[in-house]
Amino acid sequence: MKAKTKGYRVERKIKLKFEENGWIVIRSGGSFGKADLVCMKNGKCIFLQVKSTREEKVYYRGYMNESLEGFPFFVVVDFGYGDIEVFKPAEVLEKGKGVSLELFLSQLS
C-alpha cells in the first residue's frame, strides 16, 4: 500500500473515532500543514498530527510545540492492531508511553 493511501486511511480512522464522540473534524488534505486534523466540540479546538507504524517507536520531526495558535496540539500514532496512542510532541514517540485514544477522548469530554 502506498504511504499516502495508508496515511489517509489512518487519518480517516482517527477522524471517525472523534466524530463518534461528538466532535466536528476537518481533515487538511495533503498533510502539508502542521496538523492533519482540526477537531472542534463545545467551544474547544485541538490540532492533531497523525502517524502510523508497525514499529515500537516513531521518530517525529514535525511541529514540536504543545499548542498551535493557542490551541492544544497532539501527535496521534497508530501502532497497528487497534493500538492507537496520543502524545505531546516529542522526537521519539514510543509504544506504551502515550495515552490510549479511548482514554484521551474520555478525558476531553
PDB file of N, CA and C in Angstrom:
ATOM      1  N   MET A   1       0.837  -1.173   0.000  1.00  0.00           N
ATOM      2  CA  MET A   1       0.000   0.000   0.000  1.00  0.00           C
ATOM      3  C   MET A   1       0.887   1.243   0.000  1.00  0.00           C
ATOM      4  N   LYS A   2       0.524   2.215  -0.808  1.00  0.00           N
ATOM      5  CA  LYS A   2       1.302   3.441  -0.875  1.00  0.00           C
ATOM      6  C   LYS A   2       1.192   4.213   0.434  1.00  0.00           C
ATOM      7  N   ALA A   3       2.252   4.933   0.773  1.00  0.00           N
ATOM      8  CA  ALA A   3       2.284   5.689   2.033  1.00  0.00           C
ATOM      9  C   ALA A   3       1.141   6.695   2.117  1.00  0.00           C
ATOM     10  N   LYS A   4       0.842   7.373   1.002  1.00  0.00           N
ATOM     11  CA  LYS A   4      -0.251   8.353   1.010  1.00  0.00           C
ATOM     12  C   LYS A   4      -1.585   7.690   1.314  1.00  0.00           C
ATOM     13  N   THR A   5      -1.812   6.526   0.713  1.00  0.00           N
ATOM     14  CA  THR A   5      -3.062   5.796   0.942  1.00  0.00           C
ATOM     15  C   THR A   5      -3.145   5.346   2.392  1.00  0.00           C
ATOM     16  N   LYS A   6      -2.054   4.825   2.917  1.00  0.00           N
ATOM     17  CA  LYS A   6      -2.013   4.377   4.310  1.00  0.00           C
ATOM     18  C   LYS A   6      -2.276   5.554   5.241  1.00  0.00           C
ATOM     19  N   GLY A   7      -1.625   6.683   4.975  1.00  0.00           N
ATOM     20  CA  GLY A   7      -1.811   7.873   5.797  1.00  0.00           C
ATOM     21  C   GLY A   7      -3.250   8.344   5.793  1.00  0.00           C
ATOM     22  N   TYR A   8      -3.875   8.340   4.615  1.00  0.00           N
ATOM     23  CA  TYR A   8      -5.267   8.747   4.500  1.00  0.00           C
ATOM     24  C   TYR A   8      -6.162   7.824   5.322  1.00  0.00           C
ATOM     25  N   ARG A   9      -5.936   6.531   5.226  1.00  0.00           N
ATOM     26  CA  ARG A   9      -6.763   5.562   5.963  1.00  0.00           C
ATOM     27  C   ARG A   9      -6.650   5.751   7.472  1.00  0.00           C
ATOM     28  N   VAL A  10      -5.441   5.996   7.959  1.00  0.00           N
ATOM     29  CA  VAL A  10      -5.245   6.194   9.403  1.00  0.00           C
ATOM     30  C   VAL A  10      -5.898   7.503   9.832  1.00  0.00           C
ATOM     31  N   GLU A  11      -5.717   8.567   9.056  1.00  0.00           N
ATOM     32  CA  GLU A  11      -6.360   9.850   9.374  1.00  0.00           C
ATOM     33  C   GLU A  11      -7.870   9.684   9.418  1.00  0.00           C
ATOM     34  N   ARG A  12      -8.412   8.958   8.458  1.00  0.00           N
ATOM     35  CA  ARG A  12      -9.862   8.733   8.400  1.00  0.00           C
ATOM     36  C   ARG A  12     -10.337   7.945   9.630  1.00  0.00           C
ATOM     37  N   LYS A  13      -9.559   6.952  10.040  1.00  0.00           N
ATOM     38  CA  LYS A  13      -9.914   6.156  11.219  1.00  0.00           C
ATOM     39  C   LYS A  13      -9.975   7.043  12.466  1.00  0.00           C
ATOM     40  N   ILE A  14      -8.987   7.914  12.644  1.00  0.00           N
ATOM     41  CA  ILE A  14      -8.950   8.810  13.804  1.00  0.00           C
ATOM     42  C   ILE A  14     -10.106   9.807  13.713  1.00  0.00           C
ATOM     43  N   LYS A  15     -10.335  10.336  12.518  1.00  0.00           N
ATOM     44  CA  LYS A  15     -11.430  11.284  12.292  1.00  0.00           C
ATOM     45  C   LYS A  15     -12.759  10.667  12.712  1.00  0.00           C
ATOM     46  N   LEU A  16     -13.018   9.433  12.287  1.00  0.00           N
ATOM     47  CA  LEU A  16     -14.271   8.758  12.632  1.00  0.00           C
ATOM     48  C   LEU A  16     -14.408   8.527  14.127  1.00  0.00           C
ATOM     49  N   LYS A  17     -13.309   8.185  14.809  1.00  0.00           N
ATOM     50  CA  LYS A  17     -13.345   7.986  16.269  1.00  0.00           C
ATOM     51  C   LYS A  17     -13.770   9.271  16.974  1.00  0.00           C
ATOM     52  N   PHE A  18     -13.197  10.405  16.545  1.00  0.00           N
ATOM     53  CA  PHE A  18     -13.574  11.682  17.142  1.00  0.00           C
ATOM     54  C   PHE A  18     -15.029  12.015  16.833  1.00  0.00           C
ATOM     55  N   GLU A  19     -15.459  11.804  15.593  1.00  0.00           N
ATOM     56  CA  GLU A  19     -16.836  12.103  15.215  1.00  0.00           C
ATOM     57  C   GLU A  19     -17.830  11.243  15.996  1.00  0.00           C
ATOM     58  N   GLU A  20     -17.476   9.998  16.262  1.00  0.00           N
ATOM     59  CA  GLU A  20     -18.335   9.120  17.072  1.00  0.00           C
ATOM     60  C   GLU A  20     -18.503   9.668  18.487  1.00  0.00           C
ATOM     61  N   ASN A  21     -17.557  10.503  18.914  1.00  0.00           N
ATOM     62  CA  ASN A  21     -17.606  11.105  20.245  1.00  0.00           C
ATOM     63  C   ASN A  21     -18.114  12.553  20.201  1.00  0.00           C
ATOM     64  N   GLY A  22     -18.772  12.919  19.102  1.00  0.00           N
ATOM     65  CA  GLY A  22     -19.429  14.211  19.018  1.00  0.00           C
ATOM     66  C   GLY A  22     -18.593  15.377  18.527  1.00  0.00           C
ATOM     67  N   TRP A  23     -17.394  15.115  18.054  1.00  0.00           N
ATOM     68  CA  TRP A  23     -16.528  16.177  17.548  1.00  0.00           C
ATOM     69  C   TRP A  23     -16.807  16.459  16.085  1.00  0.00           C
ATOM     70  N   ILE A  24     -16.612  17.703  15.677  1.00  0.00           N
ATOM     71  CA  ILE A  24     -16.583  18.065  14.260  1.00  0.00           C
ATOM     72  C   ILE A  24     -15.117  18.031  13.871  1.00  0.00           C
ATOM     73  N   VAL A  25     -14.789  17.316  12.803  1.00  0.00           N
ATOM     74  CA  VAL A  25     -13.389  17.130  12.422  1.00  0.00           C
ATOM     75  C   VAL A  25     -13.184  17.558  10.980  1.00  0.00           C
ATOM     76  N   ILE A  26     -12.159  18.378  10.776  1.00  0.00           N
ATOM     77  CA  ILE A  26     -11.791  18.815   9.444  1.00  0.00           C
ATOM     78  C   ILE A  26     -10.414  18.244   9.137  1.00  0.00           C
ATOM     79  N   ARG A  27     -10.323  17.548   8.013  1.00  0.00           N
ATOM     80  CA  ARG A  27      -9.045  16.973   7.576  1.00  0.00           C
ATOM     81  C   ARG A  27      -8.375  17.959   6.634  1.00  0.00           C
ATOM     82  N   SER A  28      -7.113  18.260   6.913  1.00  0.00           N
ATOM     83  CA  SER A  28      -6.377  19.141   5.996  1.00  0.00           C
ATOM     84  C   SER A  28      -5.728  18.261   4.941  1.00  0.00           C
ATOM     85  N   GLY A  29      -6.237  18.311   3.756  1.00  0.00           N
ATOM     86  CA  GLY A  29      -5.781  17.445   2.675  1.00  0.00           C
ATOM     87  C   GLY A  29      -4.319  17.644   2.328  1.00  0.00           C
ATOM     88  N   GLY A  30      -3.642  16.566   2.070  1.00  0.00           N
ATOM     89  CA  GLY A  30      -2.265  16.626   1.618  1.00  0.00           C
ATOM     90  C   GLY A  30      -1.224  16.680   2.713  1.00  0.00           C
ATOM     91  N   SER A  31      -1.649  16.964   3.937  1.00  0.00           N
ATOM     92  CA  SER A  31      -0.723  16.996   5.082  1.00  0.00           C
ATOM     93  C   SER A  31       0.465  17.926   4.870  1.00  0.00           C
ATOM     94  N   PHE A  32       0.229  19.068   4.250  1.00  0.00           N
ATOM     95  CA  PHE A  32       1.331  19.994   4.032  1.00  0.00           C
ATOM     96  C   PHE A  32       1.436  21.024   5.152  1.00  0.00           C
ATOM     97  N   GLY A  33       0.468  21.030   6.057  1.00  0.00           N
ATOM     98  CA  GLY A  33       0.494  21.958   7.184  1.00  0.00           C
ATOM     99  C   GLY A  33       1.048  21.289   8.421  1.00  0.00           C
ATOM    100  N   LYS A  34       0.886  21.954   9.536  1.00  0.00           N
ATOM    101  CA  LYS A  34       1.390  21.426  10.805  1.00  0.00           C
ATOM    102  C   LYS A  34       0.486  20.335  11.371  1.00  0.00           C
ATOM    103  N   ALA A  35      -0.822  20.384  11.049  1.00  0.00           N
ATOM    104  CA  ALA A  35      -1.772  19.420  11.600  1.00  0.00           C
ATOM    105  C   ALA A  35      -2.525  18.713  10.478  1.00  0.00           C
ATOM    106  N   ASP A  36      -2.839  17.440  10.710  1.00  0.00           N
ATOM    107  CA  ASP A  36      -3.629  16.660   9.757  1.00  0.00           C
ATOM    108  C   ASP A  36      -5.125  16.837  10.010  1.00  0.00           C
ATOM    109  N   LEU A  37      -5.492  16.961  11.292  1.00  0.00           N
ATOM    110  CA  LEU A  37      -6.896  17.063  11.668  1.00  0.00           C
ATOM    111  C   LEU A  37      -7.109  18.238  12.619  1.00  0.00           C
ATOM    112  N   VAL A  38      -8.213  18.943  12.412  1.00  0.00           N
ATOM    113  CA  VAL A  38      -8.649  20.003  13.320  1.00  0.00           C
ATOM    114  C   VAL A  38      -9.967  19.507  13.913  1.00  0.00           C
ATOM    115  N   CYS A  39     -10.020  19.401  15.243  1.00  0.00           N
ATOM    116  CA  CYS A  39     -11.172  18.826  15.923  1.00  0.00           C
ATOM    117  C   CYS A  39     -11.818  19.877  16.821  1.00  0.00           C
ATOM    118  N   MET A  40     -13.162  20.018  16.708  1.00  0.00           N
ATOM    119  CA  MET A  40     -13.880  21.043  17.467  1.00  0.00           C
ATOM    120  C   MET A  40     -15.106  20.448  18.144  1.00  0.00           C
ATOM    121  N   LYS A  41     -15.321  20.884  19.396  1.00  0.00           N
ATOM    122  CA  LYS A  41     -16.504  20.434  20.141  1.00  0.00           C
ATOM    123  C   LYS A  41     -16.733  21.375  21.319  1.00  0.00           C
ATOM    124  N   ASN A  42     -17.953  21.849  21.451  1.00  0.00           N
ATOM    125  CA  ASN A  42     -18.348  22.668  22.600  1.00  0.00           C
ATOM    126  C   ASN A  42     -17.370  23.798  22.904  1.00  0.00           C
ATOM    127  N   GLY A  43     -16.941  24.518  21.895  1.00  0.00           N
ATOM    128  CA  GLY A  43     -16.037  25.647  22.100  1.00  0.00           C
ATOM    129  C   GLY A  43     -14.580  25.263  22.252  1.00  0.00           C
ATOM    130  N   LYS A  44     -14.284  23.972  22.188  1.00  0.00           N
ATOM    131  CA  LYS A  44     -12.893  23.503  22.259  1.00  0.00           C
ATOM    132  C   LYS A  44     -12.388  23.232  20.848  1.00  0.00           C
ATOM    133  N   CYS A  45     -11.098  23.410  20.661  1.00  0.00           N
ATOM    134  CA  CYS A  45     -10.471  23.103  19.389  1.00  0.00           C
ATOM    135  C   CYS A  45      -9.106  22.491  19.672  1.00  0.00           C
ATOM    136  N   ILE A  46      -8.808  21.364  19.038  1.00  0.00           N
ATOM    137  CA  ILE A  46      -7.478  20.765  19.169  1.00  0.00           C
ATOM    138  C   ILE A  46      -6.966  20.399  17.781  1.00  0.00           C
ATOM    139  N   PHE A  47      -5.643  20.411  17.649  1.00  0.00           N
ATOM    140  CA  PHE A  47      -4.979  20.047  16.409  1.00  0.00           C
ATOM    141  C   PHE A  47      -4.282  18.711  16.588  1.00  0.00           C
ATOM    142  N   LEU A  48      -4.362  17.857  15.560  1.00  0.00           N
ATOM    143  CA  LEU A  48      -3.735  16.535  15.624  1.00  0.00           C
ATOM    144  C   LEU A  48      -2.853  16.293  14.407  1.00  0.00           C
ATOM    145  N   GLN A  49      -1.661  15.794  14.647  1.00  0.00           N
ATOM    146  CA  GLN A  49      -0.795  15.257  13.603  1.00  0.00           C
ATOM    147  C   GLN A  49      -0.915  13.744  13.745  1.00  0.00           C
ATOM    148  N   VAL A  50      -1.154  13.039  12.651  1.00  0.00           N
ATOM    149  CA  VAL A  50      -1.397  11.597  12.691  1.00  0.00           C
ATOM    150  C   VAL A  50      -0.245  10.850  12.031  1.00  0.00           C
ATOM    151  N   LYS A  51       0.260   9.829  12.723  1.00  0.00           N
ATOM    152  CA  LYS A  51       1.338   8.971  12.213  1.00  0.00           C
ATOM    153  C   LYS A  51       0.921   7.513  12.359  1.00  0.00           C
ATOM    154  N   SER A  52       1.563   6.647  11.599  1.00  0.00           N
ATOM    155  CA  SER A  52       1.318   5.213  11.760  1.00  0.00           C
ATOM    156  C   SER A  52       2.623   4.452  11.546  1.00  0.00           C
ATOM    157  N   THR A  53       2.712   3.317  12.231  1.00  0.00           N
ATOM    158  CA  THR A  53       3.894   2.475  12.134  1.00  0.00           C
ATOM    159  C   THR A  53       3.567   1.086  12.659  1.00  0.00           C
ATOM    160  N   ARG A  54       4.381   0.130  12.303  1.00  0.00           N
ATOM    161  CA  ARG A  54       4.286  -1.204  12.911  1.00  0.00           C
ATOM    162  C   ARG A  54       5.467  -1.417  13.856  1.00  0.00           C
ATOM    163  N   GLU A  55       6.289  -0.401  13.968  1.00  0.00           N
ATOM    164  CA  GLU A  55       7.461  -0.462  14.854  1.00  0.00           C
ATOM    165  C   GLU A  55       7.050  -0.110  16.288  1.00  0.00           C
ATOM    166  N   GLU A  56       7.999  -0.205  17.207  1.00  0.00           N
ATOM    167  CA  GLU A  56       7.753   0.104  18.618  1.00  0.00           C
ATOM    168  C   GLU A  56       7.868   1.592  18.918  1.00  0.00           C
ATOM    169  N   LYS A  57       8.430   2.358  17.958  1.00  0.00           N
ATOM    170  CA  LYS A  57       8.566   3.795  18.178  1.00  0.00           C
ATOM    171  C   LYS A  57       8.557   4.528  16.846  1.00  0.00           C
ATOM    172  N   VAL A  58       8.239   5.819  16.940  1.00  0.00           N
ATOM    173  CA  VAL A  58       8.226   6.703  15.781  1.00  0.00           C
ATOM    174  C   VAL A  58       9.182   7.843  16.081  1.00  0.00           C
ATOM    175  N   TYR A  59      10.017   8.175  15.115  1.00  0.00           N
ATOM    176  CA  TYR A  59      10.877   9.348  15.229  1.00  0.00           C
ATOM    177  C   TYR A  59      10.145  10.491  14.552  1.00  0.00           C
ATOM    178  N   TYR A  60       9.704  11.463  15.357  1.00  0.00           N
ATOM    179  CA  TYR A  60       8.863  12.543  14.864  1.00  0.00           C
ATOM    180  C   TYR A  60       9.693  13.797  14.657  1.00  0.00           C
ATOM    181  N   ARG A  61       9.580  14.378  13.484  1.00  0.00           N
ATOM    182  CA  ARG A  61      10.357  15.572  13.155  1.00  0.00           C
ATOM    183  C   ARG A  61       9.461  16.735  12.747  1.00  0.00           C
ATOM    184  N   GLY A  62       8.209  16.712  13.173  1.00  0.00           N
ATOM    185  CA  GLY A  62       7.251  17.749  12.794  1.00  0.00           C
ATOM    186  C   GLY A  62       7.192  18.879  13.801  1.00  0.00           C
ATOM    187  N   TYR A  63       6.055  19.502  13.865  1.00  0.00           N
ATOM    188  CA  TYR A  63       5.793  20.628  14.753  1.00  0.00           C
ATOM    189  C   TYR A  63       5.983  20.178  16.198  1.00  0.00           C
ATOM    190  N   MET A  64       6.771  20.915  16.994  1.00  0.00           N
ATOM    191  CA  MET A  64       7.158  20.434  18.325  1.00  0.00           C
ATOM    192  C   MET A  64       6.539  21.189  19.497  1.00  0.00           C
ATOM    193  N   ASN A  65       5.679  22.157  19.255  1.00  0.00           N
ATOM    194  CA  ASN A  65       5.063  22.878  20.372  1.00  0.00           C
ATOM    195  C   ASN A  65       3.781  22.183  20.815  1.00  0.00           C
ATOM    196  N   GLU A  66       3.441  22.352  22.100  1.00  0.00           N
ATOM    197  CA  GLU A  66       2.236  21.723  22.637  1.00  0.00           C
ATOM    198  C   GLU A  66       0.980  22.521  22.336  1.00  0.00           C
ATOM    199  N   SER A  67       1.142  23.674  21.666  1.00  0.00           N
ATOM    200  CA  SER A  67      -0.025  24.427  21.231  1.00  0.00           C
ATOM    201  C   SER A  67       0.265  25.018  19.853  1.00  0.00           C
ATOM    202  N   LEU A  68      -0.815  25.261  19.123  1.00  0.00           N
ATOM    203  CA  LEU A  68      -0.738  25.832  17.783  1.00  0.00           C
ATOM    204  C   LEU A  68      -1.772  26.952  17.763  1.00  0.00           C
ATOM    205  N   GLU A  69      -1.314  28.175  17.614  1.00  0.00           N
ATOM    206  CA  GLU A  69      -2.204  29.348  17.656  1.00  0.00           C
ATOM    207  C   GLU A  69      -3.037  29.371  18.932  1.00  0.00           C
ATOM    208  N   GLY A  70      -2.451  28.882  20.035  1.00  0.00           N
ATOM    209  CA  GLY A  70      -3.126  28.908  21.323  1.00  0.00           C
ATOM    210  C   GLY A  70      -4.012  27.711  21.616  1.00  0.00           C
ATOM    211  N   PHE A  71      -4.116  26.768  20.668  1.00  0.00           N
ATOM    212  CA  PHE A  71      -4.933  25.570  20.875  1.00  0.00           C
ATOM    213  C   PHE A  71      -4.027  24.360  21.061  1.00  0.00           C
ATOM    214  N   PRO A  72      -4.474  23.367  21.852  1.00  0.00           N
ATOM    215  CA  PRO A  72      -3.649  22.180  22.097  1.00  0.00           C
ATOM    216  C   PRO A  72      -3.289  21.445  20.805  1.00  0.00           C
ATOM    217  N   PHE A  73      -2.049  20.941  20.761  1.00  0.00           N
ATOM    218  CA  PHE A  73      -1.533  20.190  19.622  1.00  0.00           C
ATOM    219  C   PHE A  73      -1.012  18.854  20.126  1.00  0.00           C
ATOM    220  N   PHE A  74      -1.421  17.760  19.486  1.00  0.00           N
ATOM    221  CA  PHE A  74      -1.011  16.412  19.872  1.00  0.00           C
ATOM    222  C   PHE A  74      -0.601  15.609  18.641  1.00  0.00           C
ATOM    223  N   VAL A  75       0.178  14.571  18.886  1.00  0.00           N
ATOM    224  CA  VAL A  75       0.535  13.622  17.841  1.00  0.00           C
ATOM    225  C   VAL A  75      -0.157  12.304  18.176  1.00  0.00           C
ATOM    226  N   VAL A  76      -0.895  11.774  17.207  1.00  0.00           N
ATOM    227  CA  VAL A  76      -1.603  10.505  17.378  1.00  0.00           C
ATOM    228  C   VAL A  76      -0.866   9.464  16.547  1.00  0.00           C
ATOM    229  N   VAL A  77      -0.504   8.340  17.183  1.00  0.00           N
ATOM    230  CA  VAL A  77       0.219   7.286  16.474  1.00  0.00           C
ATOM    231  C   VAL A  77      -0.604   6.003  16.494  1.00  0.00           C
ATOM    232  N   ASP A  78      -0.839   5.458  15.301  1.00  0.00           N
ATOM    233  CA  ASP A  78      -1.483   4.158  15.169  1.00  0.00           C
ATOM    234  C   ASP A  78      -0.363   3.130  15.030  1.00  0.00           C
ATOM    235  N   PHE A  79      -0.177   2.334  16.082  1.00  0.00           N
ATOM    236  CA  PHE A  79       0.859   1.305  16.073  1.00  0.00           C
ATOM    237  C   PHE A  79       0.350   0.004  15.439  1.00  0.00           C
ATOM    238  N   GLY A  80      -0.877   0.004  14.969  1.00  0.00           N
ATOM    239  CA  GLY A  80      -1.458  -1.175  14.329  1.00  0.00           C
ATOM    240  C   GLY A  80      -2.238  -2.016  15.309  1.00  0.00           C
ATOM    241  N   TYR A  81      -3.105  -2.841  14.754  1.00  0.00           N
ATOM    242  CA  TYR A  81      -3.903  -3.786  15.532  1.00  0.00           C
ATOM    243  C   TYR A  81      -4.741  -3.088  16.603  1.00  0.00           C
ATOM    244  N   GLY A  82      -5.245  -1.895  16.293  1.00  0.00           N
ATOM    245  CA  GLY A  82      -6.113  -1.175  17.222  1.00  0.00           C
ATOM    246  C   GLY A  82      -5.392  -0.432  18.324  1.00  0.00           C
ATOM    247  N   ASP A  83      -4.075  -0.452  18.320  1.00  0.00           N
ATOM    248  CA  ASP A  83      -3.289   0.222  19.358  1.00  0.00           C
ATOM    249  C   ASP A  83      -2.969   1.651  18.896  1.00  0.00           C
ATOM    250  N   ILE A  84      -3.814   2.591  19.318  1.00  0.00           N
ATOM    251  CA  ILE A  84      -3.651   3.986  18.935  1.00  0.00           C
ATOM    252  C   ILE A  84      -3.377   4.788  20.200  1.00  0.00           C
ATOM    253  N   GLU A  85      -2.281   5.560  20.194  1.00  0.00           N
ATOM    254  CA  GLU A  85      -1.895   6.344  21.363  1.00  0.00           C
ATOM    255  C   GLU A  85      -1.721   7.809  20.994  1.00  0.00           C
ATOM    256  N   VAL A  86      -1.942   8.676  21.984  1.00  0.00           N
ATOM    257  CA  VAL A  86      -1.834  10.119  21.812  1.00  0.00           C
ATOM    258  C   VAL A  86      -0.662  10.620  22.649  1.00  0.00           C
ATOM    259  N   PHE A  87       0.138  11.508  22.052  1.00  0.00           N
ATOM    260  CA  PHE A  87       1.341  12.024  22.689  1.00  0.00           C
ATOM    261  C   PHE A  87       1.407  13.546  22.585  1.00  0.00           C
ATOM    262  N   LYS A  88       2.108  14.159  23.532  1.00  0.00           N
ATOM    263  CA  LYS A  88       2.567  15.522  23.332  1.00  0.00           C
ATOM    264  C   LYS A  88       3.724  15.418  22.354  1.00  0.00           C
ATOM    265  N   PRO A  89       3.966  16.438  21.535  1.00  0.00           N
ATOM    266  CA  PRO A  89       5.047  16.342  20.542  1.00  0.00           C
ATOM    267  C   PRO A  89       6.405  16.069  21.199  1.00  0.00           C
ATOM    268  N   ALA A  90       7.143  15.121  20.642  1.00  0.00           N
ATOM    269  CA  ALA A  90       8.486  14.774  21.115  1.00  0.00           C
ATOM    270  C   ALA A  90       9.225  14.114  19.956  1.00  0.00           C
ATOM    271  N   GLU A  91      10.541  14.080  20.036  1.00  0.00           N
ATOM    272  CA  GLU A  91      11.331  13.496  18.946  1.00  0.00           C
ATOM    273  C   GLU A  91      11.133  11.999  18.818  1.00  0.00           C
ATOM    274  N   VAL A  92      10.902  11.314  19.952  1.00  0.00           N
ATOM    275  CA  VAL A  92      10.679   9.870  19.929  1.00  0.00           C
ATOM    276  C   VAL A  92       9.346   9.585  20.617  1.00  0.00           C
ATOM    277  N   LEU A  93       8.458   8.913  19.911  1.00  0.00           N
ATOM    278  CA  LEU A  93       7.151   8.541  20.438  1.00  0.00           C
ATOM    279  C   LEU A  93       7.132   7.021  20.538  1.00  0.00           C
ATOM    280  N   GLU A  94       7.149   6.528  21.763  1.00  0.00           N
ATOM    281  CA  GLU A  94       7.338   5.101  21.992  1.00  0.00           C
ATOM    282  C   GLU A  94       6.049   4.417  22.432  1.00  0.00           C
ATOM    283  N   LYS A  95       5.774   3.281  21.810  1.00  0.00           N
ATOM    284  CA  LYS A  95       4.585   2.491  22.118  1.00  0.00           C
ATOM    285  C   LYS A  95       4.514   2.209  23.612  1.00  0.00           C
ATOM    286  N   GLY A  96       3.321   2.424  24.189  1.00  0.00           N
ATOM    287  CA  GLY A  96       3.120   2.172  25.612  1.00  0.00           C
ATOM    288  C   GLY A  96       3.376   3.386  26.486  1.00  0.00           C
ATOM    289  N   LYS A  97       3.910   4.457  25.908  1.00  0.00           N
ATOM    290  CA  LYS A  97       4.219   5.644  26.706  1.00  0.00           C
ATOM    291  C   LYS A  97       3.247   6.794  26.454  1.00  0.00           C
ATOM    292  N   GLY A  98       2.301   6.580  25.536  1.00  0.00           N
ATOM    293  CA  GLY A  98       1.288   7.583  25.271  1.00  0.00           C
ATOM    294  C   GLY A  98       0.007   7.236  26.020  1.00  0.00           C
ATOM    295  N   VAL A  99      -1.043   7.982  25.733  1.00  0.00           N
ATOM    296  CA  VAL A  99      -2.359   7.733  26.308  1.00  0.00           C
ATOM    297  C   VAL A  99      -3.204   7.067  25.226  1.00  0.00           C
ATOM    298  N   SER A 100      -3.935   6.023  25.589  1.00  0.00           N
ATOM    299  CA  SER A 100      -4.774   5.365  24.578  1.00  0.00           C
ATOM    300  C   SER A 100      -5.781   6.370  24.029  1.00  0.00           C
ATOM    301  N   LEU A 101      -6.152   6.203  22.779  1.00  0.00           N
ATOM    302  CA  LEU A 101      -7.086   7.127  22.148  1.00  0.00           C
ATOM    303  C   LEU A 101      -8.406   7.156  22.916  1.00  0.00           C
ATOM    304  N   GLU A 102      -8.872   6.013  23.379  1.00  0.00           N
ATOM    305  CA  GLU A 102     -10.137   5.948  24.121  1.00  0.00           C
ATOM    306  C   GLU A 102     -10.063   6.767  25.408  1.00  0.00           C
ATOM    307  N   LEU A 103      -8.968   6.618  26.153  1.00  0.00           N
ATOM    308  CA  LEU A 103      -8.797   7.381  27.387  1.00  0.00           C
ATOM    309  C   LEU A 103      -8.676   8.865  27.085  1.00  0.00           C
ATOM    310  N   PHE A 104      -7.921   9.205  26.044  1.00  0.00           N
ATOM    311  CA  PHE A 104      -7.753  10.596  25.633  1.00  0.00           C
ATOM    312  C   PHE A 104      -9.110  11.229  25.329  1.00  0.00           C
ATOM    313  N   LEU A 105      -9.933  10.536  24.546  1.00  0.00           N
ATOM    314  CA  LEU A 105     -11.254  11.055  24.201  1.00  0.00           C
ATOM    315  C   LEU A 105     -12.131  11.216  25.451  1.00  0.00           C
ATOM    316  N   SER A 106     -12.050  10.277  26.365  1.00  0.00           N
ATOM    317  CA  SER A 106     -12.874  10.375  27.577  1.00  0.00           C
ATOM    318  C   SER A 106     -12.413  11.549  28.463  1.00  0.00           C
ATOM    319  N   GLN A 107     -11.117  11.853  28.439  1.00  0.00           N
ATOM    320  CA  GLN A 107     -10.594  12.970  29.233  1.00  0.00           C
ATOM    321  C   GLN A 107     -10.986  14.316  28.635  1.00  0.00           C
ATOM    322  N   LEU A 108     -11.225  14.355  27.327  1.00  0.00           N
ATOM    323  CA  LEU A 108     -11.611  15.593  26.674  1.00  0.00           C
ATOM    324  C   LEU A 108     -13.053  15.988  26.939  1.00  0.00           C
ATOM    325  N   SER A 109     -13.881  15.016  27.243  1.00  0.00           N
ATOM    326  CA  SER A 109     -15.326  15.276  27.419  1.00  0.00           C
ATOM    327  C   SER A 109     -15.634  15.982  28.706  1.00  0.00           C
TER     328      SER A 109
END
